[in-house]
Amino acid sequence: MFSQLKDFFSSLHQTEQSSTTISTELACAVLFCEVMRADDNYTNEEQEKLTCLLQNQFSLSNDQVTDILEQAIQLSENANDFYQFTSQLNQHLSLDDRINIVVLLWQIAYADGELASIEEHIIRRIADLLHLRHSEYIATKIQAEKKFVSTN
């Protein structure tokens, strides 16, 4: 019994340590995964869009993207909230960069051709945690909608 408690507290401590070493790329990837996983329907289009966004946004190789996505999916599946990821972005990114991240979240949401209400809800929560004003949030949605309509 004491061994189980010790293991439990040890795992909590390891989780705390790993959350302090999350890179900006990984934090973004986790948020991207959260939007992709939101409607429980991982489409090839969403996965391709997520990979492409990570490569373009952070100038990553295919191997680096694969590694980051493996970590991001695991963190996303085990995360209780978005705070540890958004706080990392708030510390290291400018407001314009954070706005751009929300635009990218919308692009992932629209990648499968439809916007699920749960995806919209998650993006709204993330935008709030990234300290975007409501007008900035709406502008990101409009920007992503225009891009979606022009490509379809």
N, C-alpha and C. Protein backbone atom coordinates (compact mmCIF):
# COMPACT_ATOMS: atom_id res chain seq x y z
N MET A 1 0.83 -1.20 0.00
CA MET A 1 0.00 0.00 0.00
C MET A 1 0.87 1.25 0.00
N PHE A 2 1.89 1.28 0.88
CA PHE A 2 2.78 2.43 0.92
C PHE A 2 3.56 2.56 -0.39
N SER A 3 3.87 1.44 -0.97
CA SER A 3 4.57 1.44 -2.25
C SER A 3 3.71 2.10 -3.32
N GLN A 4 2.42 1.79 -3.33
CA GLN A 4 1.52 2.39 -4.30
C GLN A 4 1.39 3.89 -4.09
N LEU A 5 1.31 4.32 -2.86
CA LEU A 5 1.25 5.76 -2.56
C LEU A 5 2.54 6.45 -3.00
N LYS A 6 3.65 5.82 -2.71
CA LYS A 6 4.94 6.39 -3.10
C LYS A 6 5.01 6.52 -4.62
N ASP A 7 4.58 5.48 -5.35
CA ASP A 7 4.57 5.53 -6.81
C ASP A 7 3.65 6.63 -7.32
N PHE A 8 2.50 6.78 -6.67
CA PHE A 8 1.55 7.82 -7.07
C PHE A 8 2.16 9.20 -6.92
N PHE A 9 2.74 9.50 -5.76
CA PHE A 9 3.34 10.81 -5.53
C PHE A 9 4.57 11.03 -6.41
N SER A 10 5.28 9.98 -6.70
CA SER A 10 6.42 10.07 -7.60
C SER A 10 5.96 10.44 -9.00
N SER A 11 4.87 9.84 -9.45
CA SER A 11 4.35 10.16 -10.79
C SER A 11 3.84 11.60 -10.84
N LEU A 12 3.25 12.07 -9.75
CA LEU A 12 2.82 13.47 -9.70
C LEU A 12 4.01 14.41 -9.80
N HIS A 13 5.06 14.09 -9.11
CA HIS A 13 6.27 14.91 -9.14
C HIS A 13 6.88 14.92 -10.54
N GLN A 14 6.90 13.77 -11.20
CA GLN A 14 7.44 13.69 -12.56
C GLN A 14 6.59 14.50 -13.51
N THR A 15 5.27 14.47 -13.33
CA THR A 15 4.37 15.25 -14.17
C THR A 15 4.64 16.74 -13.99
N GLU A 16 4.84 17.17 -12.75
CA GLU A 16 5.15 18.58 -12.49
C GLU A 16 6.45 18.97 -13.16
N GLN A 17 7.47 18.12 -13.08
CA GLN A 17 8.76 18.42 -13.69
C GLN A 17 8.64 18.47 -15.20
N SER A 18 7.90 17.53 -15.80
CA SER A 18 7.78 17.53 -17.25
C SER A 18 7.00 18.75 -17.74
N SER A 19 6.06 19.25 -16.94
CA SER A 19 5.29 20.41 -17.38
C SER A 19 6.14 21.67 -17.39
N THR A 20 7.20 21.71 -16.61
CA THR A 20 8.05 22.89 -16.61
C THR A 20 9.03 22.88 -17.77
N THR A 21 9.18 21.74 -18.46
CA THR A 21 10.12 21.67 -19.56
C THR A 21 9.42 21.56 -20.92
N ILE A 22 8.18 21.98 -20.98
CA ILE A 22 7.44 21.92 -22.24
C ILE A 22 7.91 23.05 -23.15
N SER A 23 8.30 22.70 -24.35
CA SER A 23 8.75 23.70 -25.32
C SER A 23 7.53 24.41 -25.92
N THR A 24 7.78 25.53 -26.54
CA THR A 24 6.72 26.27 -27.22
C THR A 24 6.10 25.42 -28.31
N GLU A 25 6.95 24.72 -29.06
CA GLU A 25 6.45 23.86 -30.13
C GLU A 25 5.53 22.77 -29.59
N LEU A 26 5.95 22.15 -28.49
CA LEU A 26 5.15 21.08 -27.90
C LEU A 26 3.85 21.64 -27.32
N ALA A 27 3.91 22.79 -26.68
CA ALA A 27 2.69 23.40 -26.14
C ALA A 27 1.69 23.68 -27.25
N CYS A 28 2.17 24.22 -28.37
CA CYS A 28 1.27 24.46 -29.51
C CYS A 28 0.73 23.16 -30.05
N ALA A 29 1.58 22.15 -30.17
CA ALA A 29 1.16 20.86 -30.71
C ALA A 29 0.07 20.24 -29.85
N VAL A 30 0.20 20.37 -28.53
CA VAL A 30 -0.83 19.81 -27.64
C VAL A 30 -2.16 20.52 -27.88
N LEU A 31 -2.13 21.84 -27.99
CA LEU A 31 -3.36 22.58 -28.23
C LEU A 31 -3.96 22.22 -29.58
N PHE A 32 -3.10 22.06 -30.60
CA PHE A 32 -3.58 21.63 -31.91
C PHE A 32 -4.25 20.26 -31.80
N CYS A 33 -3.62 19.35 -31.05
CA CYS A 33 -4.19 18.00 -30.86
C CYS A 33 -5.52 18.06 -30.13
N GLU A 34 -5.63 18.96 -29.17
CA GLU A 34 -6.90 19.09 -28.43
C GLU A 34 -8.04 19.45 -29.37
N VAL A 35 -7.77 20.34 -30.31
CA VAL A 35 -8.81 20.71 -31.27
C VAL A 35 -9.09 19.54 -32.22
N MET A 36 -8.04 18.88 -32.68
CA MET A 36 -8.21 17.76 -33.59
C MET A 36 -9.01 16.63 -32.92
N ARG A 37 -8.75 16.36 -31.66
CA ARG A 37 -9.40 15.27 -30.93
C ARG A 37 -10.78 15.65 -30.39
N ALA A 38 -11.14 16.91 -30.45
CA ALA A 38 -12.35 17.40 -29.77
C ALA A 38 -13.61 16.65 -30.18
N ASP A 39 -13.79 16.43 -31.47
CA ASP A 39 -15.03 15.80 -31.93
C ASP A 39 -14.91 14.28 -32.05
N ASP A 40 -13.86 13.71 -31.49
CA ASP A 40 -13.63 12.26 -31.51
C ASP A 40 -13.58 11.69 -32.92
N ASN A 41 -13.24 12.52 -33.88
CA ASN A 41 -13.17 12.08 -35.27
C ASN A 41 -11.88 12.61 -35.88
N TYR A 42 -10.81 11.83 -35.77
CA TYR A 42 -9.52 12.24 -36.35
C TYR A 42 -9.56 11.95 -37.84
N THR A 43 -9.64 12.96 -38.64
CA THR A 43 -9.63 12.74 -40.08
C THR A 43 -8.21 12.89 -40.60
N ASN A 44 -7.98 12.30 -41.77
CA ASN A 44 -6.67 12.44 -42.41
C ASN A 44 -6.38 13.91 -42.71
N GLU A 45 -7.43 14.65 -43.08
CA GLU A 45 -7.25 16.07 -43.39
C GLU A 45 -6.76 16.84 -42.17
N GLU A 46 -7.34 16.55 -41.01
CA GLU A 46 -6.92 17.23 -39.78
C GLU A 46 -5.49 16.86 -39.41
N GLN A 47 -5.15 15.59 -39.53
CA GLN A 47 -3.80 15.15 -39.20
C GLN A 47 -2.77 15.74 -40.15
N GLU A 48 -3.10 15.79 -41.43
CA GLU A 48 -2.19 16.39 -42.42
C GLU A 48 -2.04 17.89 -42.15
N LYS A 49 -3.14 18.55 -41.84
CA LYS A 49 -3.09 19.98 -41.55
C LYS A 49 -2.23 20.26 -40.33
N LEU A 50 -2.40 19.45 -39.29
CA LEU A 50 -1.63 19.61 -38.07
C LEU A 50 -0.14 19.43 -38.36
N THR A 51 0.22 18.41 -39.10
CA THR A 51 1.62 18.16 -39.46
C THR A 51 2.19 19.32 -40.27
N CYS A 52 1.44 19.75 -41.25
CA CYS A 52 1.88 20.87 -42.11
C CYS A 52 2.06 22.15 -41.30
N LEU A 53 1.13 22.45 -40.40
CA LEU A 53 1.23 23.66 -39.58
C LEU A 53 2.47 23.62 -38.68
N LEU A 54 2.74 22.47 -38.09
CA LEU A 54 3.92 22.36 -37.23
C LEU A 54 5.20 22.54 -38.03
N GLN A 55 5.26 21.92 -39.21
CA GLN A 55 6.44 22.05 -40.05
C GLN A 55 6.65 23.51 -40.47
N ASN A 56 5.59 24.15 -40.92
CA ASN A 56 5.71 25.52 -41.41
C ASN A 56 5.91 26.54 -40.30
N GLN A 57 5.18 26.39 -39.22
CA GLN A 57 5.23 27.36 -38.13
C GLN A 57 6.58 27.35 -37.42
N PHE A 58 7.16 26.16 -37.25
CA PHE A 58 8.37 26.04 -36.44
C PHE A 58 9.58 25.54 -37.22
N SER A 59 9.45 25.42 -38.54
CA SER A 59 10.56 24.96 -39.40
C SER A 59 11.14 23.64 -38.89
N LEU A 60 10.28 22.65 -38.72
CA LEU A 60 10.68 21.36 -38.19
C LEU A 60 10.80 20.33 -39.31
N SER A 61 11.68 19.36 -39.11
CA SER A 61 11.81 18.24 -40.04
C SER A 61 10.67 17.26 -39.81
N ASN A 62 10.53 16.31 -40.72
CA ASN A 62 9.49 15.28 -40.57
C ASN A 62 9.70 14.48 -39.29
N ASP A 63 10.96 14.13 -38.99
CA ASP A 63 11.25 13.36 -37.77
C ASP A 63 10.91 14.16 -36.52
N GLN A 64 11.24 15.46 -36.52
CA GLN A 64 10.94 16.31 -35.37
C GLN A 64 9.43 16.42 -35.17
N VAL A 65 8.70 16.57 -36.26
CA VAL A 65 7.24 16.67 -36.17
C VAL A 65 6.66 15.37 -35.62
N THR A 66 7.16 14.25 -36.09
CA THR A 66 6.69 12.95 -35.61
C THR A 66 6.92 12.82 -34.11
N ASP A 67 8.12 13.19 -33.64
CA ASP A 67 8.43 13.12 -32.21
C ASP A 67 7.53 14.03 -31.39
N ILE A 68 7.36 15.25 -31.86
CA ILE A 68 6.53 16.22 -31.13
C ILE A 68 5.08 15.75 -31.10
N LEU A 69 4.59 15.22 -32.21
CA LEU A 69 3.19 14.76 -32.24
C LEU A 69 2.97 13.58 -31.31
N GLU A 70 3.92 12.67 -31.22
CA GLU A 70 3.79 11.55 -30.29
C GLU A 70 3.68 12.05 -28.86
N GLN A 71 4.55 13.00 -28.51
CA GLN A 71 4.51 13.57 -27.16
C GLN A 71 3.22 14.36 -26.95
N ALA A 72 2.83 15.13 -27.96
CA ALA A 72 1.65 15.99 -27.83
C ALA A 72 0.38 15.17 -27.65
N ILE A 73 0.25 14.10 -28.39
CA ILE A 73 -0.95 13.27 -28.25
C ILE A 73 -1.01 12.65 -26.86
N GLN A 74 0.13 12.18 -26.38
CA GLN A 74 0.17 11.60 -25.04
C GLN A 74 -0.18 12.65 -23.98
N LEU A 75 0.41 13.85 -24.09
CA LEU A 75 0.10 14.92 -23.14
C LEU A 75 -1.36 15.34 -23.24
N SER A 76 -1.86 15.42 -24.46
CA SER A 76 -3.25 15.82 -24.68
C SER A 76 -4.21 14.83 -24.04
N GLU A 77 -3.92 13.54 -24.21
CA GLU A 77 -4.80 12.52 -23.65
C GLU A 77 -4.79 12.51 -22.13
N ASN A 78 -3.69 12.98 -21.52
CA ASN A 78 -3.56 12.93 -20.06
C ASN A 78 -3.73 14.29 -19.38
N ALA A 79 -3.94 15.33 -20.15
CA ALA A 79 -4.04 16.67 -19.57
C ALA A 79 -5.39 16.88 -18.90
N ASN A 80 -5.35 17.58 -17.77
CA ASN A 80 -6.59 17.94 -17.08
C ASN A 80 -7.13 19.27 -17.55
N ASP A 81 -6.24 20.11 -18.04
CA ASP A 81 -6.64 21.43 -18.51
C ASP A 81 -5.61 21.93 -19.52
N PHE A 82 -5.81 23.16 -19.99
CA PHE A 82 -4.92 23.75 -20.98
C PHE A 82 -3.90 24.69 -20.37
N TYR A 83 -4.04 24.98 -19.08
CA TYR A 83 -3.25 26.04 -18.46
C TYR A 83 -1.75 25.86 -18.61
N GLN A 84 -1.24 24.65 -18.36
CA GLN A 84 0.21 24.46 -18.44
C GLN A 84 0.75 24.76 -19.84
N PHE A 85 -0.07 24.56 -20.85
CA PHE A 85 0.36 24.80 -22.22
C PHE A 85 0.19 26.27 -22.61
N THR A 86 -0.95 26.84 -22.24
CA THR A 86 -1.17 28.25 -22.58
C THR A 86 -0.26 29.18 -21.79
N SER A 87 0.05 28.81 -20.55
CA SER A 87 0.95 29.66 -19.77
C SER A 87 2.34 29.69 -20.39
N GLN A 88 2.77 28.57 -20.94
CA GLN A 88 4.05 28.52 -21.65
C GLN A 88 4.04 29.48 -22.84
N LEU A 89 2.96 29.49 -23.58
CA LEU A 89 2.84 30.37 -24.73
C LEU A 89 2.73 31.83 -24.31
N ASN A 90 2.00 32.08 -23.23
CA ASN A 90 1.88 33.46 -22.73
C ASN A 90 3.24 34.01 -22.31
N GLN A 91 4.09 33.17 -21.76
CA GLN A 91 5.41 33.60 -21.31
C GLN A 91 6.36 33.87 -22.46
N HIS A 92 6.22 33.12 -23.56
CA HIS A 92 7.24 33.17 -24.60
C HIS A 92 6.80 33.75 -25.94
N LEU A 93 5.52 34.03 -26.09
CA LEU A 93 5.04 34.56 -27.36
C LEU A 93 4.41 35.93 -27.18
N SER A 94 4.53 36.73 -28.22
CA SER A 94 3.89 38.05 -28.22
C SER A 94 2.39 37.86 -28.45
N LEU A 95 1.63 38.92 -28.25
CA LEU A 95 0.19 38.87 -28.49
C LEU A 95 -0.09 38.49 -29.94
N ASP A 96 0.64 39.08 -30.88
CA ASP A 96 0.43 38.75 -32.29
C ASP A 96 0.69 37.26 -32.57
N ASP A 97 1.71 36.71 -31.94
CA ASP A 97 2.00 35.28 -32.11
C ASP A 97 0.88 34.42 -31.52
N ARG A 98 0.36 34.83 -30.37
CA ARG A 98 -0.74 34.08 -29.75
C ARG A 98 -2.00 34.16 -30.61
N ILE A 99 -2.24 35.32 -31.18
CA ILE A 99 -3.38 35.47 -32.10
C ILE A 99 -3.21 34.52 -33.29
N ASN A 100 -1.99 34.46 -33.81
CA ASN A 100 -1.71 33.56 -34.93
C ASN A 100 -1.95 32.10 -34.54
N ILE A 101 -1.59 31.72 -33.33
CA ILE A 101 -1.83 30.35 -32.86
C ILE A 101 -3.33 30.05 -32.89
N VAL A 102 -4.15 30.99 -32.49
CA VAL A 102 -5.60 30.77 -32.50
C VAL A 102 -6.11 30.65 -33.94
N VAL A 103 -5.56 31.42 -34.86
CA VAL A 103 -5.91 31.27 -36.27
C VAL A 103 -5.59 29.84 -36.73
N LEU A 104 -4.43 29.34 -36.32
CA LEU A 104 -4.04 27.98 -36.69
C LEU A 104 -4.98 26.94 -36.08
N LEU A 105 -5.44 27.19 -34.86
CA LEU A 105 -6.42 26.28 -34.24
C LEU A 105 -7.69 26.21 -35.07
N TRP A 106 -8.14 27.37 -35.55
CA TRP A 106 -9.33 27.40 -36.41
C TRP A 106 -9.07 26.61 -37.68
N GLN A 107 -7.88 26.73 -38.25
CA GLN A 107 -7.58 26.01 -39.49
C GLN A 107 -7.67 24.50 -39.28
N ILE A 108 -7.21 24.03 -38.13
CA ILE A 108 -7.32 22.60 -37.82
C ILE A 108 -8.79 22.21 -37.68
N ALA A 109 -9.55 23.06 -37.01
CA ALA A 109 -10.98 22.77 -36.82
C ALA A 109 -11.71 22.68 -38.16
N TYR A 110 -11.35 23.53 -39.10
CA TYR A 110 -12.01 23.55 -40.41
C TYR A 110 -11.42 22.53 -41.39
N ALA A 111 -10.32 21.89 -41.04
CA ALA A 111 -9.61 21.00 -41.97
C ALA A 111 -10.48 19.85 -42.48
N ASP A 112 -11.40 19.37 -41.67
CA ASP A 112 -12.24 18.25 -42.09
C ASP A 112 -13.51 18.70 -42.81
N GLY A 113 -13.63 20.00 -43.07
CA GLY A 113 -14.76 20.51 -43.83
C GLY A 113 -15.94 20.97 -43.01
N GLU A 114 -15.88 20.79 -41.70
CA GLU A 114 -16.98 21.25 -40.85
C GLU A 114 -16.43 21.66 -39.49
N LEU A 115 -17.15 22.56 -38.87
CA LEU A 115 -16.78 23.05 -37.55
C LEU A 115 -17.75 22.49 -36.53
N ALA A 116 -17.24 21.64 -35.64
CA ALA A 116 -18.07 21.08 -34.58
C ALA A 116 -18.15 22.09 -33.44
N SER A 117 -19.28 22.13 -32.77
CA SER A 117 -19.46 23.10 -31.68
C SER A 117 -18.44 22.87 -30.56
N ILE A 118 -18.04 21.63 -30.32
CA ILE A 118 -17.05 21.36 -29.28
C ILE A 118 -15.69 21.93 -29.68
N GLU A 119 -15.37 21.91 -30.98
CA GLU A 119 -14.11 22.51 -31.44
C GLU A 119 -14.13 24.03 -31.19
N GLU A 120 -15.26 24.63 -31.51
CA GLU A 120 -15.41 26.07 -31.29
C GLU A 120 -15.29 26.40 -29.80
N HIS A 121 -15.89 25.58 -28.95
CA HIS A 121 -15.82 25.78 -27.51
C HIS A 121 -14.38 25.69 -27.00
N ILE A 122 -13.65 24.70 -27.46
CA ILE A 122 -12.26 24.52 -27.02
C ILE A 122 -11.40 25.68 -27.49
N ILE A 123 -11.59 26.12 -28.72
CA ILE A 123 -10.81 27.25 -29.21
C ILE A 123 -11.11 28.50 -28.40
N ARG A 124 -12.36 28.68 -28.04
CA ARG A 124 -12.74 29.85 -27.20
C ARG A 124 -12.03 29.79 -25.85
N ARG A 125 -12.02 28.62 -25.23
CA ARG A 125 -11.34 28.46 -23.93
C ARG A 125 -9.84 28.74 -24.06
N ILE A 126 -9.24 28.23 -25.11
CA ILE A 126 -7.80 28.46 -25.32
C ILE A 126 -7.54 29.94 -25.56
N ALA A 127 -8.36 30.57 -26.38
CA ALA A 127 -8.19 32.01 -26.65
C ALA A 127 -8.29 32.82 -25.36
N ASP A 128 -9.21 32.46 -24.49
CA ASP A 128 -9.33 33.14 -23.20
C ASP A 128 -8.05 32.96 -22.37
N LEU A 129 -7.53 31.74 -22.34
CA LEU A 129 -6.31 31.47 -21.57
C LEU A 129 -5.08 32.14 -22.19
N LEU A 130 -5.14 32.44 -23.48
CA LEU A 130 -4.05 33.15 -24.14
C LEU A 130 -4.24 34.67 -24.04
N HIS A 131 -5.23 35.08 -23.28
CA HIS A 131 -5.52 36.49 -22.99
C HIS A 131 -5.88 37.30 -24.24
N LEU A 132 -6.62 36.67 -25.16
CA LEU A 132 -7.12 37.39 -26.31
C LEU A 132 -8.43 38.07 -25.93
N ARG A 133 -8.61 39.29 -26.41
CA ARG A 133 -9.89 39.97 -26.23
C ARG A 133 -10.92 39.31 -27.14
N HIS A 134 -12.18 39.52 -26.82
CA HIS A 134 -13.25 38.91 -27.61
C HIS A 134 -13.15 39.34 -29.08
N SER A 135 -12.85 40.60 -29.31
CA SER A 135 -12.73 41.09 -30.69
C SER A 135 -11.59 40.39 -31.43
N GLU A 136 -10.50 40.09 -30.74
CA GLU A 136 -9.38 39.37 -31.37
C GLU A 136 -9.78 37.93 -31.68
N TYR A 137 -10.51 37.32 -30.77
CA TYR A 137 -11.00 35.96 -30.98
C TYR A 137 -11.91 35.92 -32.21
N ILE A 138 -12.84 36.83 -32.31
CA ILE A 138 -13.75 36.88 -33.46
C ILE A 138 -12.98 37.12 -34.75
N ALA A 139 -11.99 38.01 -34.71
CA ALA A 139 -11.18 38.28 -35.90
C ALA A 139 -10.43 37.03 -36.36
N THR A 140 -9.95 36.22 -35.42
CA THR A 140 -9.26 34.99 -35.82
C THR A 140 -10.22 34.02 -36.50
N LYS A 141 -11.43 33.96 -35.99
CA LYS A 141 -12.42 33.07 -36.58
C LYS A 141 -12.78 33.52 -37.99
N ILE A 142 -12.99 34.81 -38.15
CA ILE A 142 -13.33 35.35 -39.47
C ILE A 142 -12.18 35.11 -40.45
N GLN A 143 -10.95 35.33 -40.00
CA GLN A 143 -9.79 35.11 -40.86
C GLN A 143 -9.70 33.65 -41.30
N ALA A 144 -9.92 32.73 -40.39
CA ALA A 144 -9.88 31.30 -40.72
C ALA A 144 -11.04 30.91 -41.63
N GLU A 145 -12.22 31.47 -41.38
CA GLU A 145 -13.38 31.17 -42.23
C GLU A 145 -13.12 31.61 -43.66
N LYS A 146 -12.55 32.81 -43.83
CA LYS A 146 -12.25 33.32 -45.17
C LYS A 146 -11.25 32.41 -45.88
N LYS A 147 -10.25 31.96 -45.16
CA LYS A 147 -9.25 31.07 -45.74
C LYS A 147 -9.89 29.74 -46.11
N PHE A 148 -10.77 29.24 -45.28
CA PHE A 148 -11.47 27.97 -45.53
C PHE A 148 -12.35 28.09 -46.77
N VAL A 149 -13.13 29.17 -46.86
CA VAL A 149 -14.04 29.37 -47.98
C VAL A 149 -13.24 29.54 -49.29
N SER A 150 -12.12 30.24 -49.22
CA SER A 150 -11.35 30.49 -50.46
C SER A 150 -10.65 29.23 -50.97
N THR A 151 -10.40 28.27 -50.12
CA THR A 151 -9.74 27.04 -50.55
C THR A 151 -10.75 25.97 -50.96
N ASN A 152 -12.01 26.19 -50.66
CA ASN A 152 -13.04 25.19 -51.03
C ASN A 152 -13.93 25.65 -52.12
